[in-house]
Amino acid sequence: MACIFLIGCFSTTFAIGGGKKKSTSKPAAKQVSGKNNNTSSKKVTTVVLRDTIQSPAKAATAEPKVGFKQLFVNASNGVRLNPKAISFVQDYMENNTDDLLKIKERGRPYFNMMDAVFSKYGLPTELKYLAVIESELKTTAVSWAGAVGPWQFMPVTARELGLVVNRKLDERRNYTKSTQAAARYLKDLYEEFGDWLLVIAAYNGGPAKVYSAIRKSGSRNFWKLQNYLPAESRKHVKKFIGTHYIMEGQGSVTTLTKAEATEQIGVTATYLLARKLSPEELNNAKSITVSGKFYSVAIANNVSMSMDDFNRYNPDFDKKMASEDNTYELKLPADKMEQFTANKYAILNESVQLLLNGATVSGK
């Protein structure tokens, strides 16, 4: 898509706890001006998470980091932080928790709106925290290079994403419209990379920088290629992770590499955004979790749906159902889902018969 090739003009150096820094990206890079909020000189004894959870920080104990390590490896949702990130994220949380929780409080109305937009586009709602490290949610944020608004879009990129930018009107400052543009952009990047940490790095430094790091490192794993990225992009990803942990008290699919997501959450975490659905289709769709020997052809036949449409709604369905982790979030148009639930067991029986008769698993 056209907007993908314009990501090179993206690069923010706004950093909570970091103040202004010179961009290391292309000349068209961006930087958000902001006061230095570095709180490293403050004495920190407690980090407050999720408004109620508390985790020990750098108190004077024999092992001051034990509390953090437990937080990062024993989260209730099963998400574990990569060991290579723990030290950075711990320091980031200690230095920035107070400031970020203030942003969380004043930003609740904006976060609610962003949740609705990202859900409509089938994106993880936790991506809203990118706007925190981009601009502290400020519509007045302006970089030295001309990036503007909560999502820090450059003019040409904003226009490619459908925003109006002229002398009379600048929709980059409009919370809802700029978030919708960011959702389209992030979805494009995920379709390109299939890995949230690489998406966040590309949002900051551009796809070209990420591809260069992949080529030089010989890996698509962020933790292996990170040192081949510009320092700003490398830190941007870790700041996002740190912000996520402060805001949520735990990680999510957006704080994991593709391989980590598959291991810790299951294949479900990696296929959902491969769905080629419009916002309208997503809004009209219903979902149900299925397991067992369901077969795509049997489902499509029984709900009067073409295989092309079924595969758009449910990519890699047969491959996933044939794996050890054979659970899938089946998504269908609302009327088709009614047909499926009404005939669920008959469809399962037909699926089993087709598979016993030698039906092939597509994509396997």
Protein backbone atom coordinates (compact mmCIF):
# COMPACT_ATOMS: atom_id res chain seq x y z
CA MET A 1 0.00 0.00 0.00
CA ALA A 2 1.09 3.50 -0.73
CA CYS A 3 1.22 4.54 2.88
CA ILE A 4 3.69 1.82 3.72
CA PHE A 5 6.35 3.37 1.55
CA LEU A 6 5.95 6.64 3.36
CA ILE A 7 6.78 5.28 6.78
CA GLY A 8 10.36 6.46 6.33
CA CYS A 9 9.19 9.89 7.31
CA PHE A 10 8.11 8.50 10.65
CA SER A 11 10.51 8.63 13.54
CA THR A 12 9.74 10.03 16.93
CA THR A 13 12.18 10.90 19.63
CA PHE A 14 9.69 11.93 22.26
CA ALA A 15 10.55 9.87 25.27
CA ILE A 16 8.87 10.00 28.63
CA GLY A 17 11.80 10.12 30.94
CA GLY A 18 14.04 11.11 28.05
CA GLY A 19 13.05 14.59 26.83
CA LYS A 20 14.45 15.79 23.49
CA LYS A 21 16.86 13.71 21.52
CA LYS A 22 18.26 14.10 18.06
CA SER A 23 16.67 11.77 15.54
CA THR A 24 18.86 9.06 14.11
CA SER A 25 16.53 8.31 11.21
CA LYS A 26 16.07 9.85 7.80
CA PRO A 27 16.00 13.63 7.31
CA ALA A 28 12.21 13.47 7.25
CA ALA A 29 12.17 11.96 10.72
CA LYS A 30 10.17 13.47 13.51
CA GLN A 31 10.71 14.48 17.06
CA VAL A 32 8.22 15.61 19.64
CA SER A 33 9.27 18.55 21.74
CA GLY A 34 8.59 18.06 25.40
CA LYS A 35 9.89 18.84 28.83
CA ASN A 36 12.40 16.55 30.44
CA ASN A 37 10.42 14.27 32.69
CA ASN A 38 13.38 12.21 33.82
CA THR A 39 12.69 11.07 37.32
CA SER A 40 15.74 8.89 37.76
CA SER A 41 16.92 11.05 40.65
CA LYS A 42 13.75 10.36 42.60
CA LYS A 43 13.73 7.75 45.32
CA VAL A 44 11.37 5.04 44.20
CA THR A 45 10.26 2.32 46.56
CA THR A 46 7.01 1.11 45.04
CA VAL A 47 5.67 0.79 41.51
CA VAL A 48 1.87 0.88 41.30
CA LEU A 49 0.39 -1.23 38.55
CA ARG A 50 -3.20 -1.41 37.35
CA ASP A 51 -4.07 1.07 40.09
CA THR A 52 -4.21 -1.75 42.64
CA ILE A 53 -1.27 -4.09 42.02
CA GLN A 54 2.00 -3.20 43.71
CA SER A 55 5.42 -4.48 42.85
CA PRO A 56 8.66 -3.69 44.70
CA ALA A 57 11.14 -1.50 42.85
CA LYS A 58 14.65 -0.52 43.92
CA ALA A 59 14.15 -0.72 47.65
CA ALA A 60 17.25 -1.54 49.66
CA THR A 61 16.93 -5.30 49.81
CA ALA A 62 19.32 -8.15 49.15
CA GLU A 63 17.69 -8.81 45.79
CA PRO A 64 15.95 -5.58 44.74
CA LYS A 65 14.83 -6.87 41.37
CA VAL A 66 13.11 -10.05 42.49
CA GLY A 67 9.67 -8.44 42.52
CA PHE A 68 10.05 -7.24 38.97
CA LYS A 69 11.29 -10.59 37.73
CA GLN A 70 8.26 -12.31 39.23
CA LEU A 71 6.00 -9.77 37.51
CA PHE A 72 7.61 -10.42 34.14
CA VAL A 73 7.65 -14.24 34.29
CA ASN A 74 4.48 -15.10 36.21
CA ALA A 75 1.77 -12.89 34.71
CA SER A 76 -1.80 -14.11 35.15
CA ASN A 77 -2.37 -14.14 31.38
CA GLY A 78 0.68 -16.31 30.73
CA VAL A 79 2.64 -13.62 28.88
CA ARG A 80 6.34 -13.59 29.79
CA LEU A 81 8.74 -10.78 29.03
CA ASN A 82 11.89 -11.62 27.10
CA PRO A 83 14.86 -11.68 29.54
CA LYS A 84 16.74 -9.25 27.28
CA ALA A 85 14.13 -6.60 28.01
CA ILE A 86 13.76 -6.96 31.77
CA SER A 87 16.55 -4.60 32.84
CA PHE A 88 15.47 -1.79 30.50
CA VAL A 89 11.78 -2.17 31.29
CA GLN A 90 12.42 -2.29 35.04
CA ASP A 91 14.41 0.95 34.94
CA TYR A 92 11.83 2.55 32.68
CA MET A 93 9.01 1.63 35.03
CA GLU A 94 10.87 2.94 38.06
CA ASN A 95 11.62 6.26 36.37
CA ASN A 96 8.28 6.87 34.68
CA THR A 97 5.44 5.18 36.55
CA ASP A 98 4.21 8.31 38.34
CA ASP A 99 4.08 10.39 35.17
CA LEU A 100 2.50 7.63 33.10
CA LEU A 101 -0.22 6.89 35.63
CA LYS A 102 -1.17 10.57 35.53
CA ILE A 103 -1.46 10.28 31.75
CA LYS A 104 -3.54 7.13 32.20
CA GLU A 105 -5.97 8.97 34.46
CA ARG A 106 -6.45 12.05 32.26
CA GLY A 107 -6.42 9.93 29.11
CA ARG A 108 -9.28 7.58 29.98
CA PRO A 109 -11.81 9.20 27.57
CA TYR A 110 -9.27 9.05 24.74
CA PHE A 111 -8.29 5.48 25.55
CA ASN A 112 -11.97 4.45 25.46
CA MET A 113 -12.31 5.97 22.00
CA MET A 114 -9.07 4.31 20.83
CA ASP A 115 -10.24 0.93 22.15
CA ALA A 116 -13.40 1.23 20.04
CA VAL A 117 -11.44 2.22 16.91
CA PHE A 118 -8.83 -0.53 17.24
CA SER A 119 -11.50 -3.14 17.96
CA LYS A 120 -13.36 -2.07 14.84
CA TYR A 121 -10.20 -2.65 12.80
CA GLY A 122 -9.50 -5.99 14.49
CA LEU A 123 -6.37 -4.68 16.21
CA PRO A 124 -5.11 -5.26 19.78
CA THR A 125 -6.40 -2.34 21.83
CA GLU A 126 -3.09 -2.13 23.71
CA LEU A 127 -1.63 -0.42 20.65
CA LYS A 128 -3.14 2.79 22.03
CA TYR A 129 -0.07 3.09 24.24
CA LEU A 130 1.95 4.01 21.16
CA ALA A 131 0.22 7.39 21.30
CA VAL A 132 1.50 7.81 24.84
CA ILE A 133 5.15 7.46 23.88
CA GLU A 134 4.60 9.40 20.66
CA SER A 135 3.00 12.49 22.18
CA GLU A 136 1.71 11.96 25.74
CA LEU A 137 -1.73 12.05 24.00
CA LYS A 138 -1.29 15.75 23.23
CA THR A 139 -2.98 17.16 20.13
CA THR A 140 -0.59 20.13 20.39
CA ALA A 141 2.52 17.97 20.05
CA VAL A 142 4.70 19.14 17.14
CA SER A 143 8.10 17.79 16.16
CA TRP A 144 10.93 19.78 14.71
CA ALA A 145 10.32 18.02 11.38
CA GLY A 146 6.60 18.85 11.25
CA ALA A 147 5.01 15.71 12.69
CA VAL A 148 1.83 16.70 14.48
CA GLY A 149 -0.80 15.37 16.84
CA PRO A 150 -1.27 12.38 19.14
CA TRP A 151 0.03 9.94 16.54
CA GLN A 152 2.75 12.24 15.17
CA PHE A 153 1.99 12.03 11.46
CA MET A 154 4.04 13.87 8.88
CA PRO A 155 1.85 15.82 6.38
CA VAL A 156 2.39 13.59 3.36
CA THR A 157 1.75 10.39 5.32
CA ALA A 158 -1.35 11.87 6.94
CA ARG A 159 -2.78 12.72 3.52
CA GLU A 160 -2.04 9.22 2.23
CA LEU A 161 -4.03 7.89 5.18
CA GLY A 162 -7.01 10.09 4.34
CA LEU A 163 -6.49 12.99 6.74
CA VAL A 164 -7.00 16.60 5.65
CA VAL A 165 -3.89 18.71 6.20
CA ASN A 166 -3.93 22.27 4.91
CA ARG A 167 -3.70 25.85 6.16
CA LYS A 168 -7.28 25.86 7.41
CA LEU A 169 -7.61 22.34 8.82
CA ASP A 170 -5.21 19.78 10.24
CA GLU A 171 -6.94 16.51 11.08
CA ARG A 172 -3.75 15.15 12.60
CA ARG A 173 -4.93 17.01 15.72
CA ASN A 174 -8.32 15.31 15.67
CA TYR A 175 -8.23 12.46 18.19
CA THR A 176 -10.75 10.21 16.46
CA LYS A 177 -9.70 10.75 12.85
CA SER A 178 -5.99 10.49 13.59
CA THR A 179 -6.59 7.29 15.58
CA GLN A 180 -8.52 5.82 12.66
CA ALA A 181 -5.59 6.70 10.40
CA ALA A 182 -3.17 5.12 12.88
CA ALA A 183 -5.29 1.95 12.94
CA ARG A 184 -5.17 1.67 9.15
CA TYR A 185 -1.44 2.26 9.21
CA LEU A 186 -0.69 -0.25 11.95
CA LYS A 187 -2.81 -2.87 10.22
CA ASP A 188 -0.84 -2.31 7.00
CA LEU A 189 2.41 -2.72 8.90
CA TYR A 190 1.22 -5.92 10.58
CA GLU A 191 0.22 -7.39 7.23
CA GLU A 192 3.77 -6.63 6.10
CA PHE A 193 5.70 -7.94 9.13
CA GLY A 194 3.34 -10.21 11.08
CA ASP A 195 5.14 -9.33 14.32
CA TRP A 196 4.10 -6.55 16.70
CA LEU A 197 7.58 -5.65 17.89
CA LEU A 198 8.72 -5.21 14.28
CA VAL A 199 5.57 -3.17 13.59
CA ILE A 200 6.41 -0.78 16.43
CA ALA A 201 10.02 -0.49 15.25
CA ALA A 202 8.79 0.24 11.71
CA TYR A 203 6.29 2.81 12.95
CA ASN A 204 9.21 4.67 14.46
CA GLY A 205 12.00 4.22 11.96
CA GLY A 206 10.34 2.95 8.80
CA PRO A 207 10.09 -0.49 7.16
CA ALA A 208 13.38 0.04 5.32
CA LYS A 209 15.27 0.24 8.61
CA VAL A 210 13.61 -2.95 9.83
CA TYR A 211 14.33 -4.83 6.60
CA SER A 212 17.95 -3.69 6.77
CA ALA A 213 18.22 -5.05 10.32
CA ILE A 214 16.63 -8.34 9.22
CA ARG A 215 19.10 -8.66 6.38
CA LYS A 216 22.15 -7.82 8.50
CA SER A 217 21.17 -10.03 11.43
CA GLY A 218 19.76 -12.91 9.41
CA SER A 219 16.77 -13.01 11.76
CA ARG A 220 13.22 -11.66 12.05
CA ASN A 221 13.37 -11.87 15.85
CA PHE A 222 13.49 -8.37 17.34
CA TRP A 223 15.75 -9.43 20.21
CA LYS A 224 18.30 -10.76 17.72
CA LEU A 225 18.12 -7.92 15.19
CA GLN A 226 17.68 -5.00 17.61
CA ASN A 227 21.31 -3.90 17.56
CA TYR A 228 21.09 -3.41 13.80
CA LEU A 229 18.27 -0.90 14.23
CA PRO A 230 18.80 2.81 14.93
CA ALA A 231 19.11 3.32 18.69
CA GLU A 232 15.93 5.40 18.69
CA SER A 233 13.83 2.65 17.11
CA ARG A 234 15.34 0.01 19.39
CA LYS A 235 14.47 2.06 22.47
CA HIS A 236 11.05 2.96 21.09
CA VAL A 237 10.02 -0.69 21.18
CA LYS A 238 11.25 -1.13 24.73
CA LYS A 239 9.54 2.09 25.86
CA PHE A 240 6.30 0.75 24.42
CA ILE A 241 6.75 -2.47 26.38
CA GLY A 242 7.53 -0.54 29.58
CA THR A 243 4.53 1.72 29.10
CA HIS A 244 2.34 -1.33 28.47
CA TYR A 245 3.45 -2.93 31.74
CA ILE A 246 2.79 0.27 33.69
CA MET A 247 -0.65 0.74 32.15
CA GLU A 248 -1.78 -2.89 32.19
CA GLY A 249 0.28 -4.55 34.92
CA GLN A 250 1.25 -7.27 32.44
CA GLY A 251 2.21 -7.84 28.83
CA SER A 252 0.14 -8.94 25.85
CA VAL A 253 0.55 -10.17 22.29
CA THR A 254 1.88 -6.68 21.44
CA THR A 255 4.88 -7.10 23.77
CA LEU A 256 5.95 -10.41 22.20
CA THR A 257 7.70 -11.50 19.05
CA LYS A 258 5.71 -13.67 16.66
CA ALA A 259 7.50 -16.79 17.91
CA GLU A 260 6.92 -15.84 21.55
CA ALA A 261 3.24 -15.17 20.88
CA THR A 262 2.82 -18.56 19.23
CA GLU A 263 4.57 -20.31 22.12
CA GLN A 264 2.90 -18.43 24.99
CA ILE A 265 -0.57 -17.67 23.64
CA GLY A 266 -0.97 -20.10 20.77
CA VAL A 267 -1.33 -19.83 17.02
CA THR A 268 -4.49 -17.80 17.58
CA ALA A 269 -2.32 -14.81 18.47
CA THR A 270 -0.69 -14.79 15.07
CA TYR A 271 -3.50 -15.48 12.60
CA LEU A 272 -6.26 -13.11 13.65
CA LEU A 273 -4.98 -10.09 11.75
CA ALA A 274 -4.50 -12.09 8.58
CA ARG A 275 -8.25 -11.70 8.15
CA LYS A 276 -8.88 -9.55 5.09
CA LEU A 277 -12.00 -7.85 6.37
CA SER A 278 -13.23 -4.30 6.06
CA PRO A 279 -14.20 -2.37 9.21
CA GLU A 280 -17.85 -2.81 8.19
CA GLU A 281 -17.45 -6.58 7.85
CA LEU A 282 -15.71 -6.76 11.21
CA ASN A 283 -18.46 -4.73 12.83
CA ASN A 284 -21.14 -7.09 11.46
CA ALA A 285 -19.27 -10.30 12.29
CA LYS A 286 -19.77 -12.65 15.22
CA SER A 287 -17.18 -14.95 16.78
CA ILE A 288 -17.24 -18.27 18.59
CA THR A 289 -14.38 -20.45 19.82
CA VAL A 290 -14.41 -23.92 18.29
CA SER A 291 -12.24 -26.98 18.79
CA GLY A 292 -12.18 -30.51 17.48
CA LYS A 293 -12.44 -31.80 13.93
CA PHE A 294 -14.34 -29.00 12.20
CA TYR A 295 -13.51 -28.71 8.51
CA SER A 296 -13.75 -25.51 6.47
CA VAL A 297 -15.63 -27.00 3.50
CA ALA A 298 -18.32 -28.44 5.73
CA ILE A 299 -18.83 -25.13 7.51
CA ALA A 300 -18.87 -23.08 4.31
CA ASN A 301 -21.37 -25.44 2.63
CA ASN A 302 -23.74 -25.40 5.58
CA VAL A 303 -23.81 -21.62 5.96
CA SER A 304 -23.98 -20.95 2.19
CA MET A 305 -20.64 -19.16 2.07
CA SER A 306 -18.01 -19.30 -0.67
CA MET A 307 -14.62 -20.72 0.27
CA ASP A 308 -12.94 -17.45 -0.69
CA ASP A 309 -15.11 -15.54 1.75
CA PHE A 310 -14.74 -18.19 4.45
CA ASN A 311 -10.95 -18.02 4.14
CA ARG A 312 -10.99 -14.23 4.35
CA TYR A 313 -12.84 -14.48 7.64
CA ASN A 314 -10.89 -17.49 8.89
CA PRO A 315 -7.38 -17.74 7.43
CA ASP A 316 -5.49 -21.01 8.00
CA PHE A 317 -8.56 -22.55 9.61
CA ASP A 318 -7.86 -26.15 8.57
CA LYS A 319 -4.16 -25.85 9.32
CA LYS A 320 -4.90 -24.57 12.82
CA MET A 321 -7.56 -27.19 13.49
CA ALA A 322 -5.15 -29.95 12.42
CA SER A 323 -2.47 -28.75 14.84
CA GLU A 324 -1.99 -29.77 18.48
CA ASP A 325 -3.45 -26.41 19.52
CA ASN A 326 -6.68 -27.07 17.64
CA THR A 327 -8.74 -24.20 18.96
CA TYR A 328 -9.87 -21.37 16.71
CA GLU A 329 -11.86 -18.17 17.04
CA LEU A 330 -14.29 -18.79 14.21
CA LYS A 331 -15.60 -15.54 12.76
CA LEU A 332 -18.58 -15.31 10.41
CA PRO A 333 -21.12 -12.69 9.32
CA ALA A 334 -23.87 -12.49 11.93
CA ASP A 335 -26.47 -14.30 9.82
CA LYS A 336 -24.00 -17.05 8.90
CA MET A 337 -23.05 -17.49 12.56
CA GLU A 338 -26.72 -18.12 13.39
CA GLN A 339 -26.77 -20.91 10.81
CA PHE A 340 -23.55 -22.36 12.20
CA THR A 341 -24.69 -22.43 15.83
CA ALA A 342 -28.05 -23.92 14.85
CA ASN A 343 -26.34 -26.76 12.96
CA LYS A 344 -23.07 -27.01 14.88
CA TYR A 345 -23.15 -30.73 15.65
CA ALA A 346 -24.36 -31.74 12.20
CA ILE A 347 -21.51 -29.69 10.73
CA LEU A 348 -19.01 -31.36 13.07
CA ASN A 349 -20.28 -34.80 12.02
CA GLU A 350 -20.02 -33.88 8.33
CA SER A 351 -16.52 -32.51 8.93
CA VAL A 352 -15.38 -35.76 10.51
CA GLN A 353 -16.80 -37.78 7.62
CA LEU A 354 -15.03 -35.60 5.05
CA LEU A 355 -11.72 -35.93 6.86
CA LEU A 356 -12.13 -39.70 7.21
CA ASN A 357 -12.80 -39.89 3.47
CA GLY A 358 -9.49 -38.23 2.73
CA ALA A 359 -10.27 -34.52 2.56
CA THR A 360 -7.08 -32.47 2.46
CA VAL A 361 -6.12 -29.78 4.93
CA SER A 362 -5.56 -26.56 2.99
CA GLY A 363 -2.35 -24.72 3.74
CA LYS A 364 -0.79 -27.71 5.51
